[in-house]
Structure formats: C-alpha cells, structure tokens
N, C-alpha and C. Protein backbone atom coordinates (compact mmCIF):
# COMPACT_ATOMS: atom_id res chain seq x y z
N UNK A 1 120.49 128.43 73.38
CA UNK A 1 119.57 128.08 73.95
C UNK A 1 119.14 126.77 73.30
N UNK A 2 119.01 125.69 74.20
CA UNK A 2 119.12 124.52 73.47
C UNK A 2 117.70 123.97 73.14
N UNK A 3 117.79 123.22 71.92
CA UNK A 3 116.39 122.65 71.34
C UNK A 3 116.58 121.67 71.03
N UNK A 4 115.42 120.94 71.40
CA UNK A 4 114.86 119.63 71.21
C UNK A 4 113.55 119.44 70.08
N UNK A 5 114.05 118.55 69.32
CA UNK A 5 112.62 118.47 68.25
C UNK A 5 112.58 119.75 67.75
N UNK A 6 112.91 120.78 67.37
CA UNK A 6 113.07 122.40 66.75
C UNK A 6 112.32 123.12 67.78
N UNK A 7 111.96 122.61 69.24
CA UNK A 7 111.41 123.27 70.10
C UNK A 7 112.49 123.71 71.44
N UNK A 8 112.10 125.03 71.79
CA UNK A 8 112.89 125.29 73.11
C UNK A 8 112.68 124.20 74.29
N UNK A 9 114.03 123.79 74.88
CA UNK A 9 114.06 122.66 75.67
C UNK A 9 114.18 123.44 77.21
N UNK A 10 113.59 124.54 77.59
CA UNK A 10 113.65 125.35 78.41
C UNK A 10 112.09 124.86 79.54
N UNK A 11 111.27 124.00 79.12
CA UNK A 11 110.26 123.64 79.74
C UNK A 11 110.88 122.59 80.58
N UNK A 12 110.08 122.47 81.68
CA UNK A 12 110.55 121.59 83.04
C UNK A 12 109.42 120.78 83.13
N UNK A 13 109.86 118.89 82.73
CA UNK A 13 108.64 118.27 82.74
C UNK A 13 108.74 117.80 84.49
N UNK A 14 107.66 117.77 85.18
CA UNK A 14 107.68 117.49 86.75
C UNK A 14 107.22 115.48 86.34
N UNK A 15 107.67 114.85 87.13
CA UNK A 15 107.93 113.51 87.51
C UNK A 15 106.86 113.33 88.56
N UNK A 16 105.94 112.37 88.60
CA UNK A 16 105.12 112.17 89.80
C UNK A 16 105.32 110.89 90.24
N UNK A 17 105.41 110.38 91.34
CA UNK A 17 105.41 108.69 91.87
C UNK A 17 104.48 108.12 91.07
N UNK A 18 103.60 108.15 90.78
CA UNK A 18 102.40 107.65 89.70
C UNK A 18 102.85 107.28 88.66
N UNK A 19 103.97 107.74 88.05
CA UNK A 19 104.95 107.84 86.62
C UNK A 19 105.73 106.86 86.76
N UNK A 20 106.47 106.14 87.80
CA UNK A 20 107.32 105.31 88.03
C UNK A 20 106.97 103.97 88.15
N UNK A 21 108.00 103.23 87.85
CA UNK A 21 107.65 101.80 87.89
C UNK A 21 107.37 101.38 89.27
N UNK A 22 106.46 100.87 89.71
CA UNK A 22 106.31 100.48 91.06
C UNK A 22 106.74 98.79 91.60
N UNK A 23 108.00 98.51 90.52
CA UNK A 23 108.09 97.21 90.63
C UNK A 23 109.14 97.07 91.56
N UNK A 24 109.95 97.97 91.89
CA UNK A 24 110.99 97.84 92.62
C UNK A 24 110.76 97.99 94.04
N UNK A 25 112.02 97.19 95.27
CA UNK A 25 111.40 96.98 96.42
C UNK A 25 111.33 98.18 96.87
N UNK A 26 112.13 99.16 96.71
CA UNK A 26 112.12 100.65 97.46
C UNK A 26 110.34 100.92 97.22
N UNK A 27 110.02 101.00 95.79
CA UNK A 27 108.76 101.38 95.68
C UNK A 27 107.28 100.82 96.39
N UNK A 28 108.10 99.48 96.49
CA UNK A 28 107.02 98.51 97.49
C UNK A 28 106.96 99.05 98.81
N UNK A 29 108.10 98.93 99.23
CA UNK A 29 108.29 99.69 100.70
C UNK A 29 107.51 100.73 100.71
N UNK A 30 107.67 101.67 100.46
CA UNK A 30 107.09 103.07 100.35
C UNK A 30 105.53 102.90 100.20
N UNK A 31 104.84 102.16 99.40
CA UNK A 31 103.80 101.92 99.04
C UNK A 31 103.03 101.21 100.42
N UNK A 32 103.76 100.10 100.83
CA UNK A 32 103.07 99.33 102.40
C UNK A 32 102.97 100.60 103.44
N UNK A 33 104.37 101.22 103.27
CA UNK A 33 104.00 102.57 104.71
C UNK A 33 103.34 103.05 104.34
N UNK A 34 102.96 103.66 103.30
CA UNK A 34 101.87 104.82 103.28
C UNK A 34 100.16 104.28 103.38
N UNK A 35 100.38 103.10 103.04
CA UNK A 35 99.03 102.06 103.22
C UNK A 35 98.85 102.15 105.00
N UNK A 36 100.07 101.79 105.59
CA UNK A 36 99.94 101.17 107.26
C UNK A 36 99.61 102.70 107.51
N UNK A 37 100.41 103.84 107.42
CA UNK A 37 100.39 105.26 107.92
C UNK A 37 98.93 105.65 107.64
N UNK A 38 98.52 105.20 106.54
CA UNK A 38 96.95 105.86 106.58
C UNK A 38 96.20 104.99 107.14
N UNK A 39 96.33 103.98 107.32
CA UNK A 39 95.55 102.76 108.19
C UNK A 39 95.21 103.48 109.63
N UNK A 40 96.86 103.68 109.98
CA UNK A 40 96.85 104.02 111.22
C UNK A 40 95.72 105.30 111.65
N UNK A 41 95.90 106.25 110.47
CA UNK A 41 94.90 107.52 110.74
C UNK A 41 93.58 107.62 110.14
N UNK A 42 93.15 105.81 109.91
CA UNK A 42 91.89 105.78 110.03
C UNK A 42 91.03 105.31 108.43
N UNK A 43 92.36 105.45 107.54
CA UNK A 43 92.18 105.52 106.17
C UNK A 43 92.47 106.51 105.29
N UNK A 44 92.68 106.22 103.99
CA UNK A 44 92.87 107.42 103.33
C UNK A 44 91.90 108.27 102.57
N UNK A 45 90.54 107.73 102.63
CA UNK A 45 89.41 108.66 102.59
C UNK A 45 89.13 109.27 103.49
N UNK A 46 89.79 109.43 104.88
CA UNK A 46 89.53 110.08 106.02
C UNK A 46 90.39 111.10 106.02
N UNK A 47 91.58 111.29 105.16
CA UNK A 47 92.57 112.43 105.05
C UNK A 47 92.54 113.29 104.66
N UNK A 48 92.73 114.62 104.79
CA UNK A 48 92.55 116.02 103.62
C UNK A 48 93.86 115.50 102.77
N UNK A 49 93.73 116.32 101.42
CA UNK A 49 94.95 116.07 100.66
C UNK A 49 96.27 116.49 101.41
N UNK A 50 96.29 117.63 102.07
CA UNK A 50 97.62 117.61 102.84
C UNK A 50 98.29 116.50 103.67
N UNK A 51 97.26 115.94 104.34
CA UNK A 51 97.48 114.86 105.45
C UNK A 51 98.06 113.64 104.72
N UNK A 52 97.59 113.64 103.25
CA UNK A 52 98.30 112.56 102.66
C UNK A 52 99.64 112.89 101.72
N UNK A 53 99.64 114.18 101.35
CA UNK A 53 101.11 114.49 100.91
C UNK A 53 102.36 114.16 102.48
N UNK A 54 101.66 114.78 103.54
CA UNK A 54 102.70 114.42 104.91
C UNK A 54 102.69 112.87 104.87
N UNK A 55 101.59 111.83 104.51
CA UNK A 55 102.15 111.02 104.71
C UNK A 55 103.17 110.18 103.63
N UNK A 56 102.77 110.60 102.35
CA UNK A 56 103.69 110.32 101.45
C UNK A 56 104.94 110.67 101.82
N UNK A 57 105.60 111.66 101.93
CA UNK A 57 106.70 112.53 102.15
C UNK A 57 107.38 111.50 103.81
N UNK A 58 106.56 111.19 104.87
CA UNK A 58 107.25 110.49 105.61
C UNK A 58 107.41 109.04 104.94
N UNK A 59 106.55 108.47 104.39
CA UNK A 59 107.16 107.19 103.33
C UNK A 59 108.53 107.17 102.96
N UNK A 60 108.42 108.22 102.08
CA UNK A 60 109.54 108.07 101.27
C UNK A 60 110.84 108.51 101.99
N UNK A 61 110.64 109.17 103.09
CA UNK A 61 112.33 109.63 103.76
C UNK A 61 112.32 108.35 104.74
N UNK A 62 111.62 107.39 105.03
CA UNK A 62 111.30 106.09 105.71
C UNK A 62 112.12 105.00 104.50
N UNK A 63 111.91 105.15 103.11
CA UNK A 63 112.36 104.45 102.51
C UNK A 63 114.02 104.80 102.53
N UNK A 64 114.23 105.96 102.46
CA UNK A 64 115.62 106.59 102.46
C UNK A 64 116.13 106.01 103.44
N UNK A 65 115.63 106.18 104.48
CA UNK A 65 116.64 106.04 105.81
C UNK A 65 116.51 104.15 105.99
N UNK A 66 115.95 103.62 105.20
CA UNK A 66 116.09 101.75 105.15
C UNK A 66 117.40 102.18 104.35
N UNK A 67 117.39 102.58 103.31
CA UNK A 67 118.48 102.69 102.23
C UNK A 67 120.00 102.75 102.94
N UNK A 68 119.88 103.88 103.53
CA UNK A 68 121.03 104.48 104.27
C UNK A 68 121.98 103.35 105.49
N UNK A 69 120.51 102.68 106.27
CA UNK A 69 120.70 101.68 107.32
C UNK A 69 121.32 100.27 106.68
N UNK A 70 120.75 100.40 105.44
CA UNK A 70 121.31 98.80 104.92
C UNK A 70 122.49 99.32 104.69
N UNK A 71 122.67 100.18 103.40
CA UNK A 71 124.13 100.29 103.34
C UNK A 71 125.40 100.29 104.39
N UNK A 72 125.02 100.98 105.40
CA UNK A 72 125.84 101.30 106.67
C UNK A 72 126.11 99.78 107.13
N UNK A 73 124.77 98.87 107.11
CA UNK A 73 124.96 97.46 107.91
C UNK A 73 125.76 96.76 107.04
N UNK A 74 125.90 96.95 105.64
CA UNK A 74 127.19 96.13 105.08
C UNK A 74 128.29 96.63 104.90
N UNK A 75 128.71 97.75 105.36
CA UNK A 75 129.82 98.10 105.91
C UNK A 75 130.46 99.08 104.96
N UNK A 76 129.16 99.75 104.04
CA UNK A 76 129.56 101.31 103.84
C UNK A 76 129.38 102.12 104.44
N UNK A 77 129.95 103.42 104.19
CA UNK A 77 130.11 104.55 104.94
C UNK A 77 128.73 105.10 105.18
N UNK A 78 128.47 105.79 106.27
CA UNK A 78 127.08 106.71 106.77
C UNK A 78 127.32 108.03 106.86
N UNK A 79 126.14 108.70 106.05
CA UNK A 79 126.57 110.46 106.21
C UNK A 79 125.68 110.68 107.25
N UNK A 80 126.16 110.71 108.18
CA UNK A 80 125.56 110.96 109.66
C UNK A 80 124.75 112.15 109.87
N UNK A 81 124.88 112.98 109.51
CA UNK A 81 124.13 114.36 108.81
C UNK A 81 123.14 114.23 108.25
N UNK A 82 123.10 113.64 107.00
CA UNK A 82 121.92 113.12 106.15
C UNK A 82 121.32 112.22 106.88
N UNK A 83 121.58 110.95 107.44
CA UNK A 83 120.70 110.28 108.34
C UNK A 83 119.84 110.97 109.48
N UNK A 84 120.54 111.64 110.10
CA UNK A 84 120.07 112.68 111.36
C UNK A 84 119.04 113.67 110.65
N UNK A 85 119.34 114.17 109.14
CA UNK A 85 118.16 115.13 108.99
C UNK A 85 117.26 114.21 108.37
N UNK A 86 117.12 113.54 108.04
CA UNK A 86 116.16 112.30 107.15
C UNK A 86 115.30 111.86 108.65
N UNK A 87 116.35 111.45 109.47
CA UNK A 87 115.01 110.89 110.88
C UNK A 87 114.51 111.73 111.40
N UNK A 88 114.92 113.05 111.31
CA UNK A 88 114.21 114.22 112.25
C UNK A 88 113.31 114.51 111.25
N UNK A 89 113.68 114.59 109.83
CA UNK A 89 112.53 115.16 109.18
C UNK A 89 111.10 114.26 109.41
N UNK A 90 111.28 112.94 109.20
CA UNK A 90 110.45 112.14 109.03
C UNK A 90 109.70 111.94 110.77
N UNK A 91 110.25 112.38 111.79
CA UNK A 91 109.68 112.14 112.91
C UNK A 91 108.72 113.35 112.74
N UNK A 92 109.35 114.48 112.27
CA UNK A 92 108.34 115.66 112.69
C UNK A 92 106.73 116.06 111.62
N UNK A 93 107.61 114.82 110.35
CA UNK A 93 106.23 114.65 109.44
C UNK A 93 105.43 114.24 109.91
N UNK A 94 105.81 112.73 110.85
CA UNK A 94 104.44 111.75 111.52
C UNK A 94 104.01 112.71 112.68
N UNK A 95 104.55 113.44 113.32
CA UNK A 95 104.23 114.22 114.46
C UNK A 95 102.95 115.23 113.99
N UNK A 96 103.43 115.75 112.64
CA UNK A 96 102.15 116.66 112.26
C UNK A 96 100.95 116.16 111.54
N UNK A 97 101.21 114.73 111.31
CA UNK A 97 100.28 114.23 110.56
C UNK A 97 99.52 113.28 111.81
N UNK A 98 99.75 112.95 112.99
CA UNK A 98 99.25 112.75 113.80
C UNK A 98 99.71 111.56 114.92
N UNK A 99 101.04 111.29 114.72
CA UNK A 99 102.18 110.36 115.37
C UNK A 99 101.60 110.85 116.60
N UNK A 100 101.64 109.68 117.40
CA UNK A 100 101.55 109.93 118.86
C UNK A 100 101.80 108.80 119.93
N UNK A 101 102.25 108.97 120.76
CA UNK A 101 102.68 107.56 121.99
C UNK A 101 101.52 107.45 122.47
N UNK A 102 101.24 105.93 122.49
CA UNK A 102 100.16 105.42 123.03
C UNK A 102 100.24 104.48 123.94
N UNK A 103 99.84 104.56 125.41
CA UNK A 103 99.94 103.73 126.13
C UNK A 103 99.80 102.42 126.01
N UNK A 104 100.46 101.45 126.25
CA UNK A 104 99.91 99.83 125.94
C UNK A 104 99.31 99.48 127.37
N UNK A 105 98.10 98.81 127.09
CA UNK A 105 97.36 98.27 128.12
C UNK A 105 98.19 96.59 128.34
N UNK A 106 98.61 96.80 129.65
CA UNK A 106 99.13 95.21 130.19
C UNK A 106 98.19 94.49 131.13
N UNK A 107 97.13 95.44 131.66
CA UNK A 107 96.09 94.29 132.32
C UNK A 107 95.99 93.18 131.69
N UNK A 108 95.61 92.32 132.42
CA UNK A 108 95.09 90.66 131.70
C UNK A 108 93.77 90.62 131.80
N UNK A 109 93.36 90.06 131.28
CA UNK A 109 91.67 89.90 131.30
C UNK A 109 91.20 89.03 132.35
N UNK A 110 90.49 88.72 132.79
CA UNK A 110 90.11 88.25 134.40
C UNK A 110 90.56 86.65 133.86
N UNK A 111 90.32 85.84 133.14
CA UNK A 111 90.61 84.82 132.54
C UNK A 111 91.98 84.13 132.67
N UNK A 112 92.58 85.32 132.01
CA UNK A 112 94.15 85.03 132.03
C UNK A 112 94.61 85.39 133.51
N UNK A 113 94.04 86.18 134.13
CA UNK A 113 94.54 86.49 135.30
C UNK A 113 94.59 84.99 136.35
N UNK A 114 93.44 84.79 136.15
CA UNK A 114 93.01 83.22 137.40
C UNK A 114 94.02 82.27 136.49
N UNK A 115 93.92 82.07 135.10
CA UNK A 115 94.75 81.31 134.41
C UNK A 115 96.71 81.25 135.09
N UNK A 116 97.16 82.54 135.05
CA UNK A 116 98.36 82.54 135.84
C UNK A 116 98.48 82.41 137.08
N UNK A 117 97.39 82.72 137.86
CA UNK A 117 97.05 82.47 139.37
C UNK A 117 97.44 80.90 139.55
N UNK A 118 96.54 80.48 138.57
CA UNK A 118 96.65 78.83 139.20
C UNK A 118 97.54 78.27 138.91
N UNK A 119 98.26 78.38 137.50
CA UNK A 119 99.73 77.77 136.98
C UNK A 119 100.71 78.30 137.91
N UNK A 120 100.72 79.53 138.65
CA UNK A 120 102.25 79.55 139.61
C UNK A 120 101.78 79.20 140.99
N UNK A 121 100.39 78.14 140.78
CA UNK A 121 100.71 77.65 142.13
C UNK A 121 99.98 78.14 143.46
N UNK A 122 99.40 79.47 143.14
CA UNK A 122 98.55 80.31 143.96
C UNK A 122 97.24 79.86 144.03
N UNK A 123 96.30 79.36 144.60
CA UNK A 123 94.90 79.13 144.42
C UNK A 123 94.45 80.43 143.85
N UNK A 124 93.17 80.37 143.29
CA UNK A 124 92.42 81.71 142.42
C UNK A 124 92.33 82.57 143.47
N UNK A 125 91.87 81.89 144.55
CA UNK A 125 90.69 82.41 145.88
C UNK A 125 91.82 82.72 146.98
N UNK A 126 92.87 82.38 146.95
CA UNK A 126 93.67 82.67 147.94
C UNK A 126 93.92 84.00 148.21
N UNK A 127 94.25 84.43 149.36
CA UNK A 127 94.67 85.52 150.05
C UNK A 127 96.08 85.91 149.83
N UNK A 128 96.69 86.98 149.55
CA UNK A 128 97.87 87.36 149.59
C UNK A 128 98.55 87.87 150.84
C-alpha cells in the first residue's frame, strides 16, 4: 500500500471545476458558453440542479470540440470517432435541456415594407 505523509494514499480526491484556474482561454470559453446557454433557458436561477449539470457538460463538450476543430484546422490529425461522439453527445445534452429549432420571422414590419417598395421603384399604393 502506498503511503503519503504516513497515511494510506488510497483515498481519491475529487477535483471540481471551481477549483481550477479559470484564466485559461478554454475555461473562459466554457464559462461564456454556460452563461449563454443558461440565459437562453431563462437564467441559472430558473434551472434545476440537474439542468445546470447538463448545461455544464454541454459547454465542456463544446470546448473540447473547439479544441479538436482548431487542432485539425492547423494541420494536425483528427480522431473522427472521438469528434463525432463528442458532437453527438453535445447535441443530445442540449436537446435534453431544451434545445429546439426556432422559426425565424422574416416578415418585415409595415414601415420597412413600405420603404422597400418605395426604394425598388414601385409606388407604395400601386397594385401589382
């Protein structure tokens, strides 16, 4: 049995994200993505503990994907299996926490519609 300072070294010390130095670019990107996803979902205070865990995992997988993408774009190899697994995991996590497709309203407001019709040479009140 391995001994450290006269005590058994078989105890596992768990490390949390809060204990890490948050000054790295990866840590900043993860924190920004967590904040953005939580904001999309109505704010951290409106999420359950489980939803916050899912958001954290999705953000970390996003940072890992960015790392793999940047590495590949700079000429290094890409483990396509790992990349695909991470991308699918992130999609599943985001879907679980509420990612959904949203239609984008492309209908212009009345003043913009009139301005575009006038600019294109057609009088605003002219029949088509």
